[in-house]
């Protein structure tokens, strides 16, 4: 649904407020040049929009354009509350502190985190702005759910502004052990910021344990199992809530005649007996170098026949203004070029590398067309691509190779699990999954599909919010 180019402006007071780095809408431009808004794709928005519509909710977030201020507006039954960011704040708060400090630090320092005081100053200022916007829009006694690592100071700031609110926080990425987290110069402020929430959610139990241990050891707070006690005697709770996908939506899409036909066309175009697939954001945490090197060695040794097998790697563009990501793209493209130059034939490269984004229906077709999905991040909070692949395998066929360092590995136990740092081990597991009998693949896939079907995105949201109400 797209709102008009001149949306209804509001002065909202909401019972339920979501605070995220980005709004739940994207700007659109019509053929006549007029602009409007459409609801963003993605599991989080899909799960929360019905709840927000039922509760007259508001969504606080940046609308994506720097140096532009917008008034709140109404869209698709939800009050949208834009938070303005300057070009400098995008560079320092988002690209800097969020994605060059917290992101690598929280992903086991796969890349070295950078610590710059000016980035931290911008992060504090922007978090305060988000907290003030949420405090302004929430009604008395309302519920506010803060999302992810860009806004870790908001819970405490919001509690100071509005002690009447019930506040939740969910971290979508990993949370590191104390040995890594203690490198952060502003560790106390971050811990106190997150602990301002009544309920802190993580993807896996180990992350919640890391957080509680840090509260006890670094701040000297009292903790009891999942509970922590603030200096003023008030209590909060930290626990694991593994996020999931819109399983039913993916199943319906994968079974549609259009996607079935497109999947058949993909197989015909690739002309391979066996298709291996990787789908990731172009990010150094995703293990792309290791994975592509493993496939290159398998093709070179002849264990995978480039005349019969193809590896398709979709690498969605990501943070292209950050130097580390530009270097990663150069490295990956050089590696793919060498493999295809050495082993490829006319019209038949063994590695099909696609550095672009695809719509949801095209991804569903790729999932259906592929025989083996290879998901091997070096560190991942969850990894929803693995769950999307499983949801699209309605015939209970196909195989999933999954890194043991992805949060999803705790749930998807019937996947072929690998250590992505062990390239020889990964090669052996890729071959094992690709050569497994239809019976073995079916046995594993049925178990995977049961897990993904019963633990979908709606169950995740409902469970977290029910527990937040009970705190």
Protein backbone atom coordinates (compact mmCIF):
# COMPACT_ATOMS: atom_id res chain seq x y z
CA UNK A 1 0.00 0.00 0.00
CA UNK A 2 1.36 3.39 -0.97
CA UNK A 3 0.35 6.58 0.75
CA UNK A 4 -0.17 9.84 -1.06
CA UNK A 5 2.70 12.20 -1.86
CA UNK A 6 1.26 14.60 0.74
CA UNK A 7 0.64 12.23 3.69
CA UNK A 8 -1.64 13.13 6.55
CA UNK A 9 0.45 14.78 9.26
CA UNK A 10 -0.25 13.77 12.84
CA UNK A 11 0.63 14.40 16.44
CA UNK A 12 0.59 10.76 17.53
CA UNK A 13 0.22 9.19 20.96
CA UNK A 14 0.71 5.46 20.66
CA UNK A 15 0.12 2.50 22.97
CA UNK A 16 2.87 0.48 21.21
CA UNK A 17 6.03 2.04 19.74
CA UNK A 18 8.82 0.41 17.75
CA UNK A 19 12.15 2.26 17.61
CA UNK A 20 14.53 1.16 14.86
CA UNK A 21 17.32 2.71 12.84
CA UNK A 22 15.07 2.79 9.75
CA UNK A 23 11.38 3.46 9.34
CA UNK A 24 9.11 0.65 8.18
CA UNK A 25 8.52 2.42 4.86
CA UNK A 26 10.49 3.23 1.72
CA UNK A 27 10.05 6.26 -0.51
CA UNK A 28 8.59 5.61 -3.96
CA UNK A 29 8.39 7.71 -7.12
CA UNK A 30 5.48 7.32 -9.53
CA UNK A 31 5.67 7.63 -13.30
CA UNK A 32 4.33 11.17 -13.07
CA UNK A 33 7.16 12.14 -10.73
CA UNK A 34 5.08 12.25 -7.56
CA UNK A 35 6.52 10.62 -4.45
CA UNK A 36 4.93 8.47 -1.77
CA UNK A 37 5.68 5.62 0.62
CA UNK A 38 5.39 1.86 0.56
CA UNK A 39 5.81 -0.63 3.39
CA UNK A 40 9.33 -2.07 3.49
CA UNK A 41 9.81 -5.78 2.80
CA UNK A 42 11.35 -7.92 5.51
CA UNK A 43 10.40 -10.23 8.34
CA UNK A 44 10.51 -7.72 11.19
CA UNK A 45 8.08 -5.33 9.48
CA UNK A 46 5.87 -8.22 8.37
CA UNK A 47 5.61 -9.48 11.95
CA UNK A 48 5.07 -6.17 13.68
CA UNK A 49 2.76 -4.32 11.29
CA UNK A 50 -0.39 -6.29 12.26
CA UNK A 51 0.39 -5.81 15.97
CA UNK A 52 0.96 -2.10 15.48
CA UNK A 53 -2.20 -1.68 13.43
CA UNK A 54 -4.23 -3.38 16.18
CA UNK A 55 -2.68 -1.20 18.88
CA UNK A 56 -2.59 2.13 17.04
CA UNK A 57 1.17 1.83 17.01
CA UNK A 58 3.93 4.21 15.98
CA UNK A 59 7.26 3.45 14.31
CA UNK A 60 10.21 5.74 15.08
CA UNK A 61 13.13 5.67 12.65
CA UNK A 62 15.26 7.42 10.07
CA UNK A 63 13.61 7.73 6.66
CA UNK A 64 16.86 7.21 4.71
CA UNK A 65 17.65 10.68 3.37
CA UNK A 66 20.30 12.78 5.19
CA UNK A 67 19.78 16.45 5.93
CA UNK A 68 16.01 16.23 5.49
CA UNK A 69 13.42 16.78 8.20
CA UNK A 70 9.93 15.34 7.85
CA UNK A 71 6.85 15.68 9.99
CA UNK A 72 5.21 12.50 11.37
CA UNK A 73 2.71 10.94 8.98
CA UNK A 74 0.22 8.09 8.85
CA UNK A 75 0.77 5.08 6.59
CA UNK A 76 -1.03 1.73 6.38
CA UNK A 77 -2.59 2.08 9.83
CA UNK A 78 0.67 3.07 11.56
CA UNK A 79 2.03 6.44 12.66
CA UNK A 80 5.47 6.99 11.12
CA UNK A 81 7.75 9.25 13.17
CA UNK A 82 10.84 10.22 11.15
CA UNK A 83 14.09 11.05 12.95
CA UNK A 84 16.40 13.37 11.01
CA UNK A 85 20.10 12.58 10.51
CA UNK A 86 22.70 14.87 9.00
CA UNK A 87 25.21 13.68 6.42
CA UNK A 88 27.91 13.87 9.10
CA UNK A 89 25.80 11.78 11.51
CA UNK A 90 25.24 9.12 8.86
CA UNK A 91 29.01 8.92 8.44
CA UNK A 92 29.87 8.92 12.15
CA UNK A 93 26.92 7.34 13.96
CA UNK A 94 25.91 4.80 11.31
CA UNK A 95 28.85 4.01 9.03
CA UNK A 96 31.35 4.71 11.80
CA UNK A 97 30.28 3.74 15.31
CA UNK A 98 27.56 1.27 14.35
CA UNK A 99 29.21 -0.49 11.43
CA UNK A 100 32.95 0.01 11.89
CA UNK A 101 33.01 -0.35 15.69
CA UNK A 102 30.07 -2.37 17.04
CA UNK A 103 29.54 -4.60 13.98
CA UNK A 104 33.07 -6.09 13.84
CA UNK A 105 33.47 -6.13 17.63
CA UNK A 106 30.22 -8.06 18.09
CA UNK A 107 31.13 -10.48 15.29
CA UNK A 108 34.19 -11.84 17.13
CA UNK A 109 36.44 -9.10 15.70
CA UNK A 110 36.52 -10.87 12.32
CA UNK A 111 37.67 -7.41 11.18
CA UNK A 112 39.39 -5.00 13.53
CA UNK A 113 36.95 -2.57 15.19
CA UNK A 114 37.87 1.09 15.15
CA UNK A 115 37.44 3.31 18.21
CA UNK A 116 37.00 7.04 17.52
CA UNK A 117 35.73 9.50 20.09
CA UNK A 118 33.95 11.66 17.50
CA UNK A 119 32.01 8.60 16.33
CA UNK A 120 30.95 7.90 19.90
CA UNK A 121 29.85 11.51 20.40
CA UNK A 122 27.65 11.26 17.30
CA UNK A 123 26.27 7.90 18.48
CA UNK A 124 25.26 9.40 21.84
CA UNK A 125 23.63 12.41 20.20
CA UNK A 126 21.63 10.33 17.72
CA UNK A 127 20.54 7.81 20.36
CA UNK A 128 19.30 10.70 22.51
CA UNK A 129 17.31 12.03 19.55
CA UNK A 130 15.66 8.64 19.01
CA UNK A 131 14.86 8.35 22.72
CA UNK A 132 13.30 11.81 22.78
CA UNK A 133 11.17 10.98 19.73
CA UNK A 134 9.93 7.78 21.38
CA UNK A 135 9.22 9.58 24.65
CA UNK A 136 7.21 12.17 22.75
CA UNK A 137 5.06 9.66 20.84
CA UNK A 138 4.34 7.01 23.51
CA UNK A 139 1.19 7.28 25.56
CA UNK A 140 1.21 6.96 29.35
CA UNK A 141 2.05 3.43 30.42
CA UNK A 142 2.74 2.36 26.84
CA UNK A 143 5.18 -0.21 25.49
CA UNK A 144 8.32 0.66 23.50
CA UNK A 145 10.37 -1.97 21.66
CA UNK A 146 13.87 -0.80 20.67
CA UNK A 147 15.66 -2.68 17.91
CA UNK A 148 19.33 -3.51 17.45
CA UNK A 149 22.89 -2.35 17.90
CA UNK A 150 22.51 1.12 16.42
CA UNK A 151 20.33 2.15 19.39
CA UNK A 152 21.88 0.53 22.45
CA UNK A 153 21.72 3.69 24.56
CA UNK A 154 18.03 4.34 23.92
CA UNK A 155 16.56 2.07 26.65
CA UNK A 156 18.29 3.89 29.52
CA UNK A 157 17.73 7.33 28.01
CA UNK A 158 14.08 6.51 27.48
CA UNK A 159 13.70 5.18 31.03
CA UNK A 160 15.07 8.47 32.37
CA UNK A 161 12.66 10.48 30.21
CA UNK A 162 9.61 8.22 30.70
CA UNK A 163 9.83 5.91 33.73
CA UNK A 164 6.17 4.99 33.20
CA UNK A 165 6.93 3.03 30.01
CA UNK A 166 7.50 -0.69 29.57
CA UNK A 167 10.69 -0.98 27.48
CA UNK A 168 12.00 -3.92 25.46
CA UNK A 169 15.25 -4.21 23.53
CA UNK A 170 16.25 -6.83 20.97
CA UNK A 171 19.76 -7.32 19.59
CA UNK A 172 19.65 -8.87 16.12
CA UNK A 173 23.40 -9.55 15.91
CA UNK A 174 25.69 -11.58 18.23
CA UNK A 175 26.74 -10.25 21.62
CA UNK A 176 30.42 -10.93 22.35
CA UNK A 177 32.11 -12.50 25.37
CA UNK A 178 33.72 -10.23 27.94
CA UNK A 179 37.22 -10.76 26.50
CA UNK A 180 36.14 -8.91 23.37
CA UNK A 181 33.55 -6.52 24.75
CA UNK A 182 35.92 -5.07 27.33
CA UNK A 183 38.00 -3.56 24.50
CA UNK A 184 35.23 -1.01 24.02
CA UNK A 185 36.20 2.31 25.63
CA UNK A 186 32.53 3.09 26.33
CA UNK A 187 31.61 -0.36 27.65
CA UNK A 188 29.93 0.87 30.85
CA UNK A 189 27.68 3.31 28.99
CA UNK A 190 26.62 0.62 26.51
CA UNK A 191 25.87 -1.96 29.21
CA UNK A 192 23.89 0.55 31.24
CA UNK A 193 22.11 1.70 28.08
CA UNK A 194 20.90 -1.75 27.09
CA UNK A 195 20.07 -2.64 30.71
CA UNK A 196 17.63 0.25 30.78
CA UNK A 197 15.18 -2.16 29.14
CA UNK A 198 12.78 -4.27 31.18
CA UNK A 199 13.42 -7.19 28.82
CA UNK A 200 16.58 -7.62 26.73
CA UNK A 201 16.33 -10.19 23.94
CA UNK A 202 19.19 -11.98 22.20
CA UNK A 203 19.33 -14.54 19.41
CA UNK A 204 20.95 -17.34 21.44
CA UNK A 205 21.27 -18.17 25.16
CA UNK A 206 25.05 -17.69 25.12
CA UNK A 207 24.65 -14.02 24.19
CA UNK A 208 22.29 -13.43 27.12
CA UNK A 209 24.79 -15.15 29.40
CA UNK A 210 27.61 -12.93 28.10
CA UNK A 211 25.51 -9.84 28.81
CA UNK A 212 24.56 -10.90 32.34
CA UNK A 213 28.16 -11.84 33.14
CA UNK A 214 29.32 -8.38 32.06
CA UNK A 215 26.67 -6.68 34.20
CA UNK A 216 27.92 -8.66 37.19
CA UNK A 217 31.67 -8.42 36.58
CA UNK A 218 32.01 -5.00 35.01
CA UNK A 219 29.20 -3.06 36.70
CA UNK A 220 28.99 -5.03 39.96
CA UNK A 221 25.25 -5.58 39.51
CA UNK A 222 23.43 -8.45 41.14
CA UNK A 223 22.11 -11.13 38.75
CA UNK A 224 19.86 -14.15 39.33
CA UNK A 225 19.62 -16.57 36.40
CA UNK A 226 17.98 -14.42 33.70
CA UNK A 227 17.33 -11.41 35.96
CA UNK A 228 19.50 -8.41 36.76
CA UNK A 229 19.07 -5.77 39.45
CA UNK A 230 19.87 -2.12 38.75
CA UNK A 231 21.48 0.10 41.42
CA UNK A 232 18.07 1.65 42.23
CA UNK A 233 16.67 -1.82 43.00
CA UNK A 234 14.55 -2.14 39.87
CA UNK A 235 14.82 -5.36 37.89
CA UNK A 236 15.18 -6.41 34.30
CA UNK A 237 15.46 -9.67 32.44
CA UNK A 238 17.73 -10.96 29.63
CA UNK A 239 16.94 -14.08 27.60
CA UNK A 240 17.13 -15.65 24.14
CA UNK A 241 14.40 -15.20 21.51
CA UNK A 242 15.63 -16.67 18.21
CA UNK A 243 14.17 -14.65 15.36
CA UNK A 244 12.64 -16.38 12.34
CA UNK A 245 10.88 -15.71 9.03
CA UNK A 246 7.42 -15.45 7.52
CA UNK A 247 7.41 -19.19 6.85
CA UNK A 248 3.89 -19.41 5.45
CA UNK A 249 4.55 -16.46 3.14
CA UNK A 250 7.69 -18.07 1.71
CA UNK A 251 5.98 -21.44 1.30
CA UNK A 252 3.08 -19.87 -0.60
CA UNK A 253 5.44 -17.87 -2.79
CA UNK A 254 7.66 -20.88 -3.58
CA UNK A 255 4.61 -22.95 -4.55
CA UNK A 256 3.13 -20.31 -6.84
CA UNK A 257 3.03 -21.21 -10.58
CA UNK A 258 5.14 -18.17 -11.45
CA UNK A 259 7.96 -19.11 -9.08
CA UNK A 260 7.80 -22.79 -10.11
CA UNK A 261 8.18 -21.76 -13.75
CA UNK A 262 11.02 -19.38 -12.96
CA UNK A 263 12.85 -22.09 -10.98
CA UNK A 264 12.60 -24.44 -13.95
CA UNK A 265 13.92 -21.69 -16.21
CA UNK A 266 16.90 -21.07 -13.91
CA UNK A 267 17.84 -24.75 -14.04
CA UNK A 268 17.54 -24.78 -17.81
CA UNK A 269 19.63 -21.60 -18.16
CA UNK A 270 22.39 -22.92 -15.90
CA UNK A 271 22.39 -26.29 -17.63
CA UNK A 272 23.83 -28.10 -14.61
CA UNK A 273 22.95 -31.41 -13.02
CA UNK A 274 23.65 -30.04 -9.55
CA UNK A 275 23.30 -26.43 -8.38
CA UNK A 276 24.95 -25.18 -5.20
CA UNK A 277 23.75 -21.80 -3.92
CA UNK A 278 25.06 -19.13 -1.58
CA UNK A 279 23.07 -15.99 -0.70
CA UNK A 280 24.58 -13.31 1.51
CA UNK A 281 25.07 -9.63 2.00
CA UNK A 282 28.57 -8.75 0.81
CA UNK A 283 30.02 -8.67 4.32
CA UNK A 284 33.27 -9.93 5.79
CA UNK A 285 31.38 -11.87 8.48
CA UNK A 286 29.71 -14.12 5.88
CA UNK A 287 32.76 -16.26 5.10
CA UNK A 288 32.64 -15.62 1.36
CA UNK A 289 36.40 -15.85 0.84
CA UNK A 290 36.57 -19.22 2.58
CA UNK A 291 33.50 -20.59 0.77
CA UNK A 292 34.55 -19.54 -2.72
CA UNK A 293 38.07 -20.86 -2.10
CA UNK A 294 36.57 -24.21 -1.05
CA UNK A 295 34.51 -24.45 -4.23
CA UNK A 296 37.50 -23.39 -6.33
CA UNK A 297 39.57 -26.24 -4.88
CA UNK A 298 36.73 -28.72 -5.41
CA UNK A 299 36.44 -27.72 -9.07
CA UNK A 300 40.22 -27.73 -9.55
CA UNK A 301 40.61 -31.22 -8.05
CA UNK A 302 37.78 -32.62 -10.16
CA UNK A 303 35.74 -33.62 -7.12
CA UNK A 304 33.11 -31.29 -8.54
CA UNK A 305 32.86 -31.48 -12.33
CA UNK A 306 32.47 -27.97 -13.79
CA UNK A 307 30.64 -29.50 -16.75
CA UNK A 308 27.95 -30.90 -14.47
CA UNK A 309 28.00 -28.67 -11.38
CA UNK A 310 27.64 -24.92 -10.87
CA UNK A 311 27.99 -22.75 -7.78
CA UNK A 312 25.79 -19.63 -7.74
CA UNK A 313 26.79 -16.93 -5.26
CA UNK A 314 24.45 -13.98 -4.75
CA UNK A 315 26.26 -11.18 -2.89
CA UNK A 316 23.87 -8.34 -2.13
CA UNK A 317 25.61 -4.93 -2.14
CA UNK A 318 26.21 -3.63 1.38
CA UNK A 319 27.74 -0.51 2.96
CA UNK A 320 29.62 0.38 -0.20
CA UNK A 321 30.90 3.64 1.26
CA UNK A 322 32.90 1.74 3.91
CA UNK A 323 36.51 0.94 2.88
CA UNK A 324 36.49 -2.56 4.36
CA UNK A 325 33.53 -3.51 2.19
CA UNK A 326 35.06 -2.10 -0.98
CA UNK A 327 38.20 -4.14 -0.36
CA UNK A 328 36.11 -7.26 0.25
CA UNK A 329 34.31 -6.81 -3.06
CA UNK A 330 37.62 -6.48 -4.91
CA UNK A 331 38.98 -9.61 -3.22
CA UNK A 332 35.89 -11.71 -4.01
CA UNK A 333 35.71 -10.61 -7.64
CA UNK A 334 39.42 -11.35 -8.11
CA UNK A 335 39.00 -14.81 -6.59
CA UNK A 336 35.94 -15.63 -8.72
CA UNK A 337 37.70 -14.34 -11.85
CA UNK A 338 40.69 -16.61 -11.26
CA UNK A 339 38.52 -19.70 -10.77
CA UNK A 340 36.42 -19.02 -13.85
CA UNK A 341 39.46 -18.05 -15.90
CA UNK A 342 41.26 -21.27 -15.05
CA UNK A 343 38.34 -23.70 -15.24
CA UNK A 344 35.48 -22.10 -17.16
CA UNK A 345 34.37 -22.89 -20.69
CA UNK A 346 32.45 -20.75 -23.17
CA UNK A 347 29.10 -19.94 -21.54
CA UNK A 348 29.80 -22.23 -18.56
CA UNK A 349 31.61 -20.54 -15.67
CA UNK A 350 31.78 -22.90 -12.67
CA UNK A 351 31.06 -19.96 -10.34
CA UNK A 352 28.16 -17.65 -11.20
CA UNK A 353 28.76 -14.55 -9.07
CA UNK A 354 25.96 -11.98 -8.87
CA UNK A 355 26.70 -8.73 -6.99
CA UNK A 356 23.14 -7.40 -6.99
CA UNK A 357 19.85 -7.47 -5.12
CA UNK A 358 16.91 -9.60 -6.21
CA UNK A 359 13.21 -9.34 -5.33
CA UNK A 360 11.63 -11.87 -2.99
CA UNK A 361 10.03 -13.94 -5.76
CA UNK A 362 13.34 -14.31 -7.61
CA UNK A 363 15.02 -15.46 -4.40
CA UNK A 364 12.26 -18.02 -3.84
CA UNK A 365 12.85 -19.32 -7.37
CA UNK A 366 16.59 -19.60 -6.70
CA UNK A 367 15.90 -21.52 -3.49
CA UNK A 368 13.61 -23.91 -5.36
CA UNK A 369 16.05 -24.37 -8.23
CA UNK A 370 19.08 -25.17 -6.07
CA UNK A 371 20.02 -28.62 -4.84
CA UNK A 372 22.31 -27.54 -1.99
CA UNK A 373 22.28 -24.29 -0.01
CA UNK A 374 25.66 -23.35 1.49
CA UNK A 375 25.45 -20.89 4.41
CA UNK A 376 28.86 -20.58 6.06
CA UNK A 377 29.27 -17.30 7.97
CA UNK A 378 32.26 -16.85 10.24
CA UNK A 379 29.83 -15.37 12.78
CA UNK A 380 26.13 -14.62 12.49
CA UNK A 381 23.46 -13.65 14.99
CA UNK A 382 20.92 -15.92 13.32
CA UNK A 383 20.96 -16.13 9.48
CA UNK A 384 17.49 -16.05 8.02
CA UNK A 385 18.60 -17.11 4.52
CA UNK A 386 19.04 -20.66 5.83
CA UNK A 387 15.46 -20.64 7.11
CA UNK A 388 14.15 -19.14 3.86
CA UNK A 389 15.73 -21.97 1.87
CA UNK A 390 14.13 -24.57 4.13
CA UNK A 391 10.71 -22.88 3.87
CA UNK A 392 10.88 -23.04 0.07
CA UNK A 393 11.64 -26.78 -0.11
CA UNK A 394 8.06 -28.01 -0.19
CA UNK A 395 9.10 -31.35 -1.66
CA UNK A 396 11.25 -32.14 1.38
CA UNK A 397 14.28 -32.37 -0.88
CA UNK A 398 17.52 -30.41 -1.06
CA UNK A 399 20.34 -30.06 1.45
CA UNK A 400 21.49 -27.30 3.78
CA UNK A 401 25.17 -26.84 4.68
CA UNK A 402 25.31 -24.50 7.67
CA UNK A 403 28.08 -22.91 9.70
CA UNK A 404 28.13 -23.91 13.34
CA UNK A 405 28.86 -20.23 14.10
CA UNK A 406 25.45 -19.08 12.83
CA UNK A 407 22.77 -18.63 15.47
CA UNK A 408 20.48 -20.74 13.27
CA UNK A 409 22.68 -23.78 13.89
CA UNK A 410 21.12 -24.18 17.36
CA UNK A 411 17.70 -24.69 15.79
CA UNK A 412 18.54 -26.27 12.42
CA UNK A 413 20.33 -29.25 13.88
CA UNK A 414 19.61 -31.54 10.92
CA UNK A 415 21.64 -29.37 8.55
CA UNK A 416 25.12 -30.52 7.54
CA UNK A 417 27.09 -28.33 9.95
CA UNK A 418 30.63 -27.10 9.28
CA UNK A 419 33.44 -25.03 10.75
CA UNK A 420 33.96 -22.43 7.98
CA UNK A 421 37.56 -21.84 9.07
CA UNK A 422 38.32 -25.50 8.23
CA UNK A 423 38.34 -25.37 4.45
CA UNK A 424 39.17 -29.08 4.02
CA UNK A 425 36.37 -30.00 6.41
CA UNK A 426 33.98 -27.67 4.58
CA UNK A 427 34.90 -29.24 1.24
CA UNK A 428 34.22 -32.73 2.58
CA UNK A 429 30.84 -31.67 4.01
CA UNK A 430 29.80 -29.92 0.78
CA UNK A 431 30.52 -33.14 -1.11
CA UNK A 432 28.69 -35.24 1.47
CA UNK A 433 25.57 -33.05 1.31
CA UNK A 434 25.62 -32.97 -2.49
CA UNK A 435 26.00 -36.74 -2.79
CA UNK A 436 23.54 -37.69 -0.03
CA UNK A 437 20.72 -40.01 -1.03
CA UNK A 438 17.24 -38.65 -1.59
CA UNK A 439 16.15 -40.57 1.50
CA UNK A 440 18.81 -38.93 3.69
CA UNK A 441 18.08 -35.47 2.33
CA UNK A 442 14.35 -35.99 2.83
CA UNK A 443 14.81 -37.17 6.43
CA UNK A 444 16.82 -34.10 7.31
CA UNK A 445 14.66 -31.64 5.39
CA UNK A 446 11.44 -32.81 7.02
CA UNK A 447 12.92 -32.12 10.45
CA UNK A 448 14.22 -28.72 9.33
CA UNK A 449 10.85 -27.75 7.87
CA UNK A 450 9.02 -28.75 11.03
CA UNK A 451 11.28 -26.48 13.07
CA UNK A 452 10.92 -23.51 10.73
CA UNK A 453 7.14 -23.97 10.42
CA UNK A 454 6.48 -24.09 14.16
CA UNK A 455 8.90 -21.29 15.06
CA UNK A 456 8.07 -18.49 12.64
CA UNK A 457 8.39 -14.71 12.87
CA UNK A 458 4.93 -14.29 14.39
CA UNK A 459 5.70 -16.71 17.21
CA UNK A 460 8.96 -14.81 17.87
CA UNK A 461 7.21 -11.44 18.18
CA UNK A 462 4.30 -12.77 20.21
CA UNK A 463 6.61 -14.60 22.64
CA UNK A 464 8.83 -11.58 23.23
CA UNK A 465 5.94 -9.16 23.73
CA UNK A 466 4.10 -11.58 26.04
CA UNK A 467 7.21 -11.89 28.19
CA UNK A 468 7.70 -8.13 28.16
CA UNK A 469 4.14 -7.67 29.41
CA UNK A 470 4.84 -10.18 32.18
CA UNK A 471 8.09 -8.58 33.43
